[in-house]
Amino acid sequence: MRCMKRMLAAGLALGAGTAAAAAPELDWLAGHWCGGTANRQIEEVWLPEGGGMLLGMSRTLRDGRTESFEFMRIVAAGKQAGFHVQPNGVPPTRFAIAERGEQRVRFENAAHDFPNRIEYRREGDVLHAWIAGPGRDGKEMRIPFEYRRCGG
């Protein structure tokens, strides 16, 4: 019985290590990020990975009033893996992890109208992001965002 318990514990530890190794390393995204202009401020807050996901939220203020908000989560693995976004409280849309590298990740959902691609890339204390896809005229449209740590 003791041997079985040890084998089970070893198997669980090995399985946990495998899942953690397969998870994207995205803690570089964690923090409170600010961008925008004097009359249109954008904030994103990302919690570090925990329980297999990162949780985030954003808000955009125009002239001091809420223009939009979004709840976000990045699920590291499993059949729900990807970037789940809920702008202004609508049901979530999932974007699959398409590419990732050193402090860079891109998500895609070809079936979504706009955007159908989202990317985050960190360079030092700057977080670059963009959303892209077909515009109303059918031509490629890309909207960039640049954030820095808030209060810094």
N, C-alpha and C. Protein backbone atom coordinates (compact mmCIF):
# COMPACT_ATOMS: atom_id res chain seq x y z
N MET A 1 0.82 -1.19 0.00
CA MET A 1 0.00 0.00 0.00
C MET A 1 0.87 1.26 0.00
N ARG A 2 1.93 1.27 0.85
CA ARG A 2 2.84 2.41 0.89
C ARG A 2 3.49 2.62 -0.46
N CYS A 3 3.88 1.54 -1.09
CA CYS A 3 4.53 1.61 -2.41
C CYS A 3 3.58 2.23 -3.43
N MET A 4 2.29 1.84 -3.38
CA MET A 4 1.30 2.40 -4.31
C MET A 4 1.13 3.89 -4.08
N LYS A 5 1.10 4.31 -2.81
CA LYS A 5 0.94 5.73 -2.49
C LYS A 5 2.13 6.53 -3.02
N ARG A 6 3.35 5.97 -2.83
CA ARG A 6 4.55 6.65 -3.34
C ARG A 6 4.52 6.74 -4.86
N MET A 7 4.10 5.66 -5.52
CA MET A 7 4.03 5.66 -6.98
C MET A 7 2.99 6.67 -7.46
N LEU A 8 1.84 6.72 -6.77
CA LEU A 8 0.80 7.68 -7.14
C LEU A 8 1.30 9.11 -6.94
N ALA A 9 1.96 9.37 -5.80
CA ALA A 9 2.50 10.70 -5.54
C ALA A 9 3.53 11.08 -6.59
N ALA A 10 4.40 10.15 -6.95
CA ALA A 10 5.42 10.41 -7.97
C ALA A 10 4.76 10.69 -9.32
N GLY A 11 3.75 9.92 -9.64
CA GLY A 11 3.03 10.12 -10.91
C GLY A 11 2.34 11.47 -10.95
N LEU A 12 1.71 11.89 -9.83
CA LEU A 12 1.08 13.20 -9.78
C LEU A 12 2.10 14.31 -9.91
N ALA A 13 3.23 14.17 -9.24
CA ALA A 13 4.29 15.18 -9.34
C ALA A 13 4.82 15.28 -10.76
N LEU A 14 5.02 14.14 -11.40
CA LEU A 14 5.50 14.14 -12.78
C LEU A 14 4.49 14.79 -13.70
N GLY A 15 3.21 14.46 -13.51
CA GLY A 15 2.15 15.06 -14.33
C GLY A 15 2.08 16.56 -14.14
N ALA A 16 2.20 17.02 -12.88
CA ALA A 16 2.17 18.45 -12.61
C ALA A 16 3.35 19.14 -13.27
N GLY A 17 4.54 18.51 -13.22
CA GLY A 17 5.72 19.09 -13.85
C GLY A 17 5.56 19.18 -15.35
N THR A 18 4.95 18.18 -15.96
CA THR A 18 4.73 18.18 -17.40
C THR A 18 3.77 19.29 -17.80
N ALA A 19 2.68 19.45 -17.03
CA ALA A 19 1.71 20.51 -17.35
C ALA A 19 2.36 21.88 -17.20
N ALA A 20 3.15 22.06 -16.15
CA ALA A 20 3.80 23.36 -15.95
C ALA A 20 4.79 23.64 -17.07
N ALA A 21 5.52 22.62 -17.50
CA ALA A 21 6.50 22.81 -18.57
C ALA A 21 5.82 23.15 -19.89
N ALA A 22 4.61 22.63 -20.11
CA ALA A 22 3.90 22.88 -21.36
C ALA A 22 3.23 24.26 -21.37
N ALA A 23 3.02 24.84 -20.19
CA ALA A 23 2.34 26.13 -20.09
C ALA A 23 3.22 27.24 -20.64
N PRO A 24 2.60 28.19 -21.37
CA PRO A 24 3.40 29.31 -21.85
C PRO A 24 3.89 30.16 -20.68
N GLU A 25 5.10 30.61 -20.76
CA GLU A 25 5.65 31.48 -19.72
C GLU A 25 5.25 32.91 -20.06
N LEU A 26 4.20 33.38 -19.42
CA LEU A 26 3.67 34.69 -19.76
C LEU A 26 3.67 35.66 -18.58
N ASP A 27 4.38 35.34 -17.50
CA ASP A 27 4.39 36.24 -16.35
C ASP A 27 5.01 37.60 -16.68
N TRP A 28 5.75 37.70 -17.76
CA TRP A 28 6.30 38.99 -18.18
C TRP A 28 5.19 40.00 -18.48
N LEU A 29 3.96 39.50 -18.68
CA LEU A 29 2.82 40.36 -18.96
C LEU A 29 2.23 40.96 -17.68
N ALA A 30 2.51 40.33 -16.53
CA ALA A 30 1.92 40.75 -15.26
C ALA A 30 2.31 42.18 -14.90
N GLY A 31 1.35 42.90 -14.34
CA GLY A 31 1.60 44.25 -13.88
C GLY A 31 0.47 45.19 -14.23
N HIS A 32 0.68 46.46 -13.91
CA HIS A 32 -0.29 47.53 -14.17
C HIS A 32 0.31 48.41 -15.27
N TRP A 33 -0.30 48.38 -16.44
CA TRP A 33 0.23 49.05 -17.63
C TRP A 33 -0.67 50.22 -18.03
N CYS A 34 -0.07 51.34 -18.41
CA CYS A 34 -0.82 52.53 -18.81
C CYS A 34 -0.36 53.03 -20.17
N GLY A 35 -1.31 53.54 -20.94
CA GLY A 35 -1.00 54.10 -22.25
C GLY A 35 -2.08 55.08 -22.64
N GLY A 36 -2.02 55.51 -23.88
CA GLY A 36 -3.04 56.42 -24.39
C GLY A 36 -2.51 57.84 -24.54
N THR A 37 -3.45 58.78 -24.46
CA THR A 37 -3.12 60.20 -24.62
C THR A 37 -3.68 60.97 -23.42
N ALA A 38 -3.50 62.28 -23.43
CA ALA A 38 -3.96 63.11 -22.31
C ALA A 38 -5.48 63.00 -22.10
N ASN A 39 -6.24 62.93 -23.20
CA ASN A 39 -7.70 62.86 -23.03
C ASN A 39 -8.26 61.44 -23.17
N ARG A 40 -7.40 60.46 -23.48
CA ARG A 40 -7.87 59.07 -23.61
C ARG A 40 -6.84 58.13 -22.98
N GLN A 41 -7.10 57.74 -21.73
CA GLN A 41 -6.17 56.89 -21.00
C GLN A 41 -6.63 55.43 -21.07
N ILE A 42 -5.67 54.53 -21.27
CA ILE A 42 -5.94 53.09 -21.33
C ILE A 42 -5.07 52.42 -20.27
N GLU A 43 -5.70 51.56 -19.47
CA GLU A 43 -4.98 50.79 -18.45
C GLU A 43 -5.26 49.31 -18.65
N GLU A 44 -4.24 48.49 -18.46
CA GLU A 44 -4.41 47.04 -18.40
C GLU A 44 -3.71 46.56 -17.14
N VAL A 45 -4.38 45.67 -16.43
CA VAL A 45 -3.82 45.06 -15.23
C VAL A 45 -3.83 43.56 -15.45
N TRP A 46 -2.67 42.92 -15.28
CA TRP A 46 -2.54 41.47 -15.42
C TRP A 46 -1.98 40.89 -14.14
N LEU A 47 -2.67 39.90 -13.59
CA LEU A 47 -2.15 39.15 -12.45
C LEU A 47 -1.21 38.08 -12.96
N PRO A 48 -0.18 37.73 -12.18
CA PRO A 48 0.73 36.64 -12.61
C PRO A 48 -0.03 35.32 -12.73
N GLU A 49 0.55 34.38 -13.44
CA GLU A 49 -0.05 33.07 -13.64
C GLU A 49 -0.34 32.41 -12.30
N GLY A 50 -1.50 31.83 -12.20
CA GLY A 50 -1.91 31.07 -11.03
C GLY A 50 -3.03 30.14 -11.45
N GLY A 51 -2.93 28.88 -11.05
CA GLY A 51 -3.98 27.93 -11.40
C GLY A 51 -4.10 27.68 -12.89
N GLY A 52 -3.00 27.87 -13.62
CA GLY A 52 -3.01 27.61 -15.05
C GLY A 52 -3.51 28.75 -15.91
N MET A 53 -3.67 29.95 -15.32
CA MET A 53 -4.12 31.08 -16.14
C MET A 53 -3.64 32.41 -15.59
N LEU A 54 -3.60 33.40 -16.46
CA LEU A 54 -3.39 34.78 -16.07
C LEU A 54 -4.74 35.47 -16.17
N LEU A 55 -5.05 36.35 -15.24
CA LEU A 55 -6.29 37.12 -15.29
C LEU A 55 -5.95 38.57 -15.52
N GLY A 56 -6.75 39.23 -16.36
CA GLY A 56 -6.51 40.62 -16.66
C GLY A 56 -7.79 41.40 -16.83
N MET A 57 -7.66 42.71 -16.78
CA MET A 57 -8.77 43.60 -17.06
C MET A 57 -8.21 44.89 -17.63
N SER A 58 -9.05 45.57 -18.38
CA SER A 58 -8.62 46.85 -18.92
C SER A 58 -9.79 47.83 -18.89
N ARG A 59 -9.43 49.09 -18.97
CA ARG A 59 -10.45 50.13 -19.11
C ARG A 59 -9.86 51.27 -19.90
N THR A 60 -10.73 51.92 -20.62
CA THR A 60 -10.37 53.10 -21.40
C THR A 60 -11.23 54.25 -20.91
N LEU A 61 -10.57 55.33 -20.54
CA LEU A 61 -11.26 56.53 -20.10
C LEU A 61 -11.05 57.62 -21.13
N ARG A 62 -12.12 58.26 -21.53
CA ARG A 62 -12.01 59.41 -22.44
C ARG A 62 -12.56 60.61 -21.69
N ASP A 63 -11.71 61.62 -21.54
CA ASP A 63 -12.07 62.84 -20.79
C ASP A 63 -12.65 62.49 -19.42
N GLY A 64 -12.06 61.49 -18.76
CA GLY A 64 -12.46 61.13 -17.40
C GLY A 64 -13.67 60.21 -17.29
N ARG A 65 -14.27 59.84 -18.41
CA ARG A 65 -15.45 58.95 -18.41
C ARG A 65 -15.09 57.61 -19.01
N THR A 66 -15.72 56.55 -18.51
CA THR A 66 -15.45 55.21 -19.03
C THR A 66 -15.98 55.08 -20.45
N GLU A 67 -15.07 54.81 -21.36
CA GLU A 67 -15.43 54.58 -22.77
C GLU A 67 -15.65 53.09 -23.01
N SER A 68 -14.79 52.24 -22.39
CA SER A 68 -14.93 50.80 -22.54
C SER A 68 -14.16 50.10 -21.42
N PHE A 69 -14.48 48.81 -21.24
CA PHE A 69 -13.77 47.98 -20.27
C PHE A 69 -13.75 46.57 -20.81
N GLU A 70 -12.84 45.75 -20.26
CA GLU A 70 -12.71 44.39 -20.77
C GLU A 70 -12.17 43.48 -19.67
N PHE A 71 -12.74 42.28 -19.59
CA PHE A 71 -12.22 41.24 -18.72
C PHE A 71 -11.48 40.25 -19.61
N MET A 72 -10.32 39.76 -19.16
CA MET A 72 -9.49 38.90 -20.00
C MET A 72 -8.89 37.78 -19.17
N ARG A 73 -8.62 36.67 -19.83
CA ARG A 73 -7.86 35.60 -19.18
C ARG A 73 -7.10 34.85 -20.26
N ILE A 74 -5.92 34.40 -19.88
CA ILE A 74 -5.11 33.57 -20.75
C ILE A 74 -4.99 32.22 -20.06
N VAL A 75 -5.56 31.20 -20.69
CA VAL A 75 -5.52 29.84 -20.16
C VAL A 75 -4.33 29.15 -20.78
N ALA A 76 -3.49 28.56 -19.93
CA ALA A 76 -2.20 28.04 -20.36
C ALA A 76 -2.30 26.75 -21.20
N ALA A 77 -3.18 25.83 -20.83
CA ALA A 77 -3.19 24.54 -21.51
C ALA A 77 -4.59 23.93 -21.46
N GLY A 78 -4.75 22.80 -22.14
CA GLY A 78 -6.03 22.10 -22.16
C GLY A 78 -6.92 22.57 -23.29
N LYS A 79 -8.14 22.07 -23.31
CA LYS A 79 -9.01 22.40 -24.43
C LYS A 79 -9.52 23.84 -24.40
N GLN A 80 -9.37 24.53 -23.27
CA GLN A 80 -9.75 25.94 -23.19
C GLN A 80 -8.55 26.88 -23.34
N ALA A 81 -7.39 26.34 -23.74
CA ALA A 81 -6.18 27.16 -23.88
C ALA A 81 -6.43 28.30 -24.85
N GLY A 82 -5.90 29.46 -24.51
CA GLY A 82 -6.00 30.62 -25.38
C GLY A 82 -6.30 31.88 -24.60
N PHE A 83 -6.60 32.93 -25.34
CA PHE A 83 -6.88 34.26 -24.80
C PHE A 83 -8.38 34.46 -24.87
N HIS A 84 -9.02 34.57 -23.72
CA HIS A 84 -10.47 34.76 -23.63
C HIS A 84 -10.73 36.22 -23.31
N VAL A 85 -11.44 36.92 -24.19
CA VAL A 85 -11.70 38.34 -23.99
C VAL A 85 -13.20 38.60 -23.91
N GLN A 86 -13.56 39.53 -23.01
CA GLN A 86 -14.95 39.92 -22.82
C GLN A 86 -15.06 41.44 -22.80
N PRO A 87 -15.09 42.07 -23.98
CA PRO A 87 -15.21 43.53 -23.99
C PRO A 87 -16.60 43.97 -23.55
N ASN A 88 -16.63 44.92 -22.64
CA ASN A 88 -17.88 45.53 -22.15
C ASN A 88 -18.88 44.51 -21.64
N GLY A 89 -18.39 43.39 -21.10
CA GLY A 89 -19.25 42.40 -20.45
C GLY A 89 -19.97 41.43 -21.36
N VAL A 90 -19.66 41.42 -22.67
CA VAL A 90 -20.30 40.45 -23.56
C VAL A 90 -19.73 39.06 -23.28
N PRO A 91 -20.37 38.00 -23.79
CA PRO A 91 -19.81 36.65 -23.60
C PRO A 91 -18.39 36.58 -24.18
N PRO A 92 -17.54 35.71 -23.60
CA PRO A 92 -16.14 35.66 -24.02
C PRO A 92 -15.95 35.11 -25.43
N THR A 93 -14.92 35.63 -26.08
CA THR A 93 -14.44 35.12 -27.37
C THR A 93 -13.04 34.59 -27.12
N ARG A 94 -12.75 33.40 -27.66
CA ARG A 94 -11.44 32.78 -27.45
C ARG A 94 -10.58 32.92 -28.69
N PHE A 95 -9.33 33.34 -28.46
CA PHE A 95 -8.31 33.43 -29.49
C PHE A 95 -7.24 32.40 -29.14
N ALA A 96 -6.92 31.51 -30.06
CA ALA A 96 -5.93 30.47 -29.82
C ALA A 96 -4.52 31.07 -29.77
N ILE A 97 -3.64 30.43 -29.02
CA ILE A 97 -2.24 30.84 -29.00
C ILE A 97 -1.63 30.39 -30.32
N ALA A 98 -1.24 31.36 -31.16
CA ALA A 98 -0.72 31.06 -32.49
C ALA A 98 0.80 31.01 -32.50
N GLU A 99 1.43 31.91 -31.76
CA GLU A 99 2.90 31.98 -31.70
C GLU A 99 3.29 32.51 -30.35
N ARG A 100 4.44 32.10 -29.89
CA ARG A 100 4.99 32.71 -28.69
C ARG A 100 6.49 32.58 -28.73
N GLY A 101 7.13 33.54 -28.08
CA GLY A 101 8.59 33.56 -28.02
C GLY A 101 9.00 34.29 -26.77
N GLU A 102 10.23 34.67 -26.73
CA GLU A 102 10.77 35.40 -25.58
C GLU A 102 10.00 36.71 -25.42
N GLN A 103 9.19 36.83 -24.39
CA GLN A 103 8.39 38.01 -24.07
C GLN A 103 7.54 38.49 -25.26
N ARG A 104 6.94 37.51 -25.94
CA ARG A 104 6.06 37.82 -27.08
C ARG A 104 5.04 36.70 -27.21
N VAL A 105 3.79 37.08 -27.50
CA VAL A 105 2.76 36.08 -27.74
C VAL A 105 1.73 36.65 -28.72
N ARG A 106 1.27 35.80 -29.64
CA ARG A 106 0.24 36.21 -30.59
C ARG A 106 -0.91 35.23 -30.52
N PHE A 107 -2.12 35.76 -30.58
CA PHE A 107 -3.35 34.99 -30.52
C PHE A 107 -4.13 35.22 -31.81
N GLU A 108 -4.85 34.18 -32.27
CA GLU A 108 -5.63 34.30 -33.51
C GLU A 108 -6.98 33.61 -33.38
N ASN A 109 -7.96 34.19 -34.08
CA ASN A 109 -9.28 33.59 -34.23
C ASN A 109 -9.79 34.03 -35.60
N ALA A 110 -9.57 33.19 -36.61
CA ALA A 110 -9.92 33.54 -37.99
C ALA A 110 -11.42 33.75 -38.18
N ALA A 111 -12.24 33.14 -37.32
CA ALA A 111 -13.69 33.26 -37.46
C ALA A 111 -14.23 34.57 -36.88
N HIS A 112 -13.42 35.29 -36.10
CA HIS A 112 -13.87 36.55 -35.50
C HIS A 112 -13.74 37.67 -36.50
N ASP A 113 -14.69 38.60 -36.51
CA ASP A 113 -14.67 39.68 -37.50
C ASP A 113 -13.48 40.62 -37.29
N PHE A 114 -13.48 41.39 -36.22
CA PHE A 114 -12.35 42.26 -35.92
C PHE A 114 -12.27 42.42 -34.42
N PRO A 115 -11.10 42.29 -33.88
CA PRO A 115 -9.87 41.83 -34.52
C PRO A 115 -9.88 40.31 -34.65
N ASN A 116 -9.02 39.79 -35.50
CA ASN A 116 -8.85 38.33 -35.54
C ASN A 116 -7.42 37.93 -35.16
N ARG A 117 -6.59 38.93 -34.87
CA ARG A 117 -5.25 38.69 -34.35
C ARG A 117 -4.94 39.72 -33.26
N ILE A 118 -4.30 39.24 -32.19
CA ILE A 118 -3.91 40.10 -31.07
C ILE A 118 -2.50 39.70 -30.68
N GLU A 119 -1.64 40.69 -30.49
CA GLU A 119 -0.27 40.37 -30.09
C GLU A 119 0.18 41.28 -28.95
N TYR A 120 0.97 40.69 -28.05
CA TYR A 120 1.65 41.42 -26.99
C TYR A 120 3.13 41.13 -27.12
N ARG A 121 3.95 42.18 -26.92
CA ARG A 121 5.40 42.03 -26.96
C ARG A 121 6.00 43.01 -25.96
N ARG A 122 6.87 42.50 -25.12
CA ARG A 122 7.48 43.37 -24.12
C ARG A 122 8.93 43.62 -24.47
N GLU A 123 9.34 44.89 -24.37
CA GLU A 123 10.73 45.31 -24.55
C GLU A 123 11.09 46.17 -23.36
N GLY A 124 11.78 45.57 -22.38
CA GLY A 124 12.14 46.30 -21.17
C GLY A 124 10.90 46.72 -20.40
N ASP A 125 10.76 48.03 -20.16
CA ASP A 125 9.61 48.54 -19.42
C ASP A 125 8.47 48.99 -20.32
N VAL A 126 8.52 48.60 -21.59
CA VAL A 126 7.47 48.98 -22.54
C VAL A 126 6.75 47.71 -23.00
N LEU A 127 5.42 47.78 -22.96
CA LEU A 127 4.60 46.69 -23.46
C LEU A 127 3.92 47.17 -24.74
N HIS A 128 4.24 46.51 -25.84
CA HIS A 128 3.62 46.82 -27.13
C HIS A 128 2.49 45.82 -27.35
N ALA A 129 1.39 46.30 -27.89
CA ALA A 129 0.28 45.42 -28.23
C ALA A 129 -0.31 45.92 -29.53
N TRP A 130 -0.97 45.03 -30.24
CA TRP A 130 -1.72 45.44 -31.41
C TRP A 130 -2.87 44.47 -31.64
N ILE A 131 -3.90 45.00 -32.28
CA ILE A 131 -5.01 44.18 -32.74
C ILE A 131 -5.07 44.38 -34.25
N ALA A 132 -5.43 43.34 -34.98
CA ALA A 132 -5.44 43.44 -36.44
C ALA A 132 -6.50 42.53 -37.03
N GLY A 133 -6.85 42.85 -38.26
CA GLY A 133 -7.81 42.04 -39.01
C GLY A 133 -8.39 42.88 -40.13
N PRO A 134 -9.40 42.35 -40.81
CA PRO A 134 -10.00 43.09 -41.91
C PRO A 134 -10.84 44.27 -41.39
N GLY A 135 -10.62 45.43 -42.00
CA GLY A 135 -11.42 46.61 -41.67
C GLY A 135 -12.76 46.55 -42.38
N ARG A 136 -13.56 47.56 -42.20
CA ARG A 136 -14.90 47.59 -42.83
C ARG A 136 -14.82 47.57 -44.35
N ASP A 137 -13.71 48.10 -44.87
CA ASP A 137 -13.53 48.10 -46.32
C ASP A 137 -12.87 46.81 -46.82
N GLY A 138 -12.62 45.86 -45.91
CA GLY A 138 -12.00 44.59 -46.29
C GLY A 138 -10.48 44.61 -46.29
N LYS A 139 -9.89 45.80 -46.21
CA LYS A 139 -8.43 45.92 -46.18
C LYS A 139 -7.92 45.68 -44.78
N GLU A 140 -6.67 45.20 -44.70
CA GLU A 140 -6.02 44.93 -43.42
C GLU A 140 -5.95 46.20 -42.58
N MET A 141 -6.38 46.10 -41.34
CA MET A 141 -6.30 47.22 -40.41
C MET A 141 -5.55 46.73 -39.17
N ARG A 142 -4.62 47.53 -38.69
CA ARG A 142 -3.85 47.20 -37.50
C ARG A 142 -3.84 48.41 -36.58
N ILE A 143 -4.20 48.18 -35.31
CA ILE A 143 -4.24 49.26 -34.33
C ILE A 143 -3.21 48.95 -33.24
N PRO A 144 -2.17 49.80 -33.14
CA PRO A 144 -1.13 49.57 -32.13
C PRO A 144 -1.46 50.25 -30.80
N PHE A 145 -0.92 49.68 -29.73
CA PHE A 145 -1.02 50.25 -28.39
C PHE A 145 0.37 50.16 -27.77
N GLU A 146 0.72 51.17 -27.00
CA GLU A 146 2.00 51.14 -26.29
C GLU A 146 1.73 51.49 -24.83
N TYR A 147 2.22 50.64 -23.95
CA TYR A 147 2.01 50.83 -22.51
C TYR A 147 3.35 50.90 -21.79
N ARG A 148 3.32 51.60 -20.67
CA ARG A 148 4.43 51.62 -19.73
C ARG A 148 3.86 51.32 -18.35
N ARG A 149 4.72 50.92 -17.44
CA ARG A 149 4.27 50.66 -16.07
C ARG A 149 3.58 51.92 -15.54
N CYS A 150 2.42 51.78 -14.94
CA CYS A 150 1.71 52.91 -14.39
C CYS A 150 2.46 53.49 -13.20
N GLY A 151 2.42 54.82 -13.08
CA GLY A 151 3.05 55.48 -11.97
C GLY A 151 4.56 55.57 -12.06
N GLY A 152 5.12 55.16 -13.22
CA GLY A 152 6.58 55.17 -13.32
C GLY A 152 7.11 56.04 -14.40
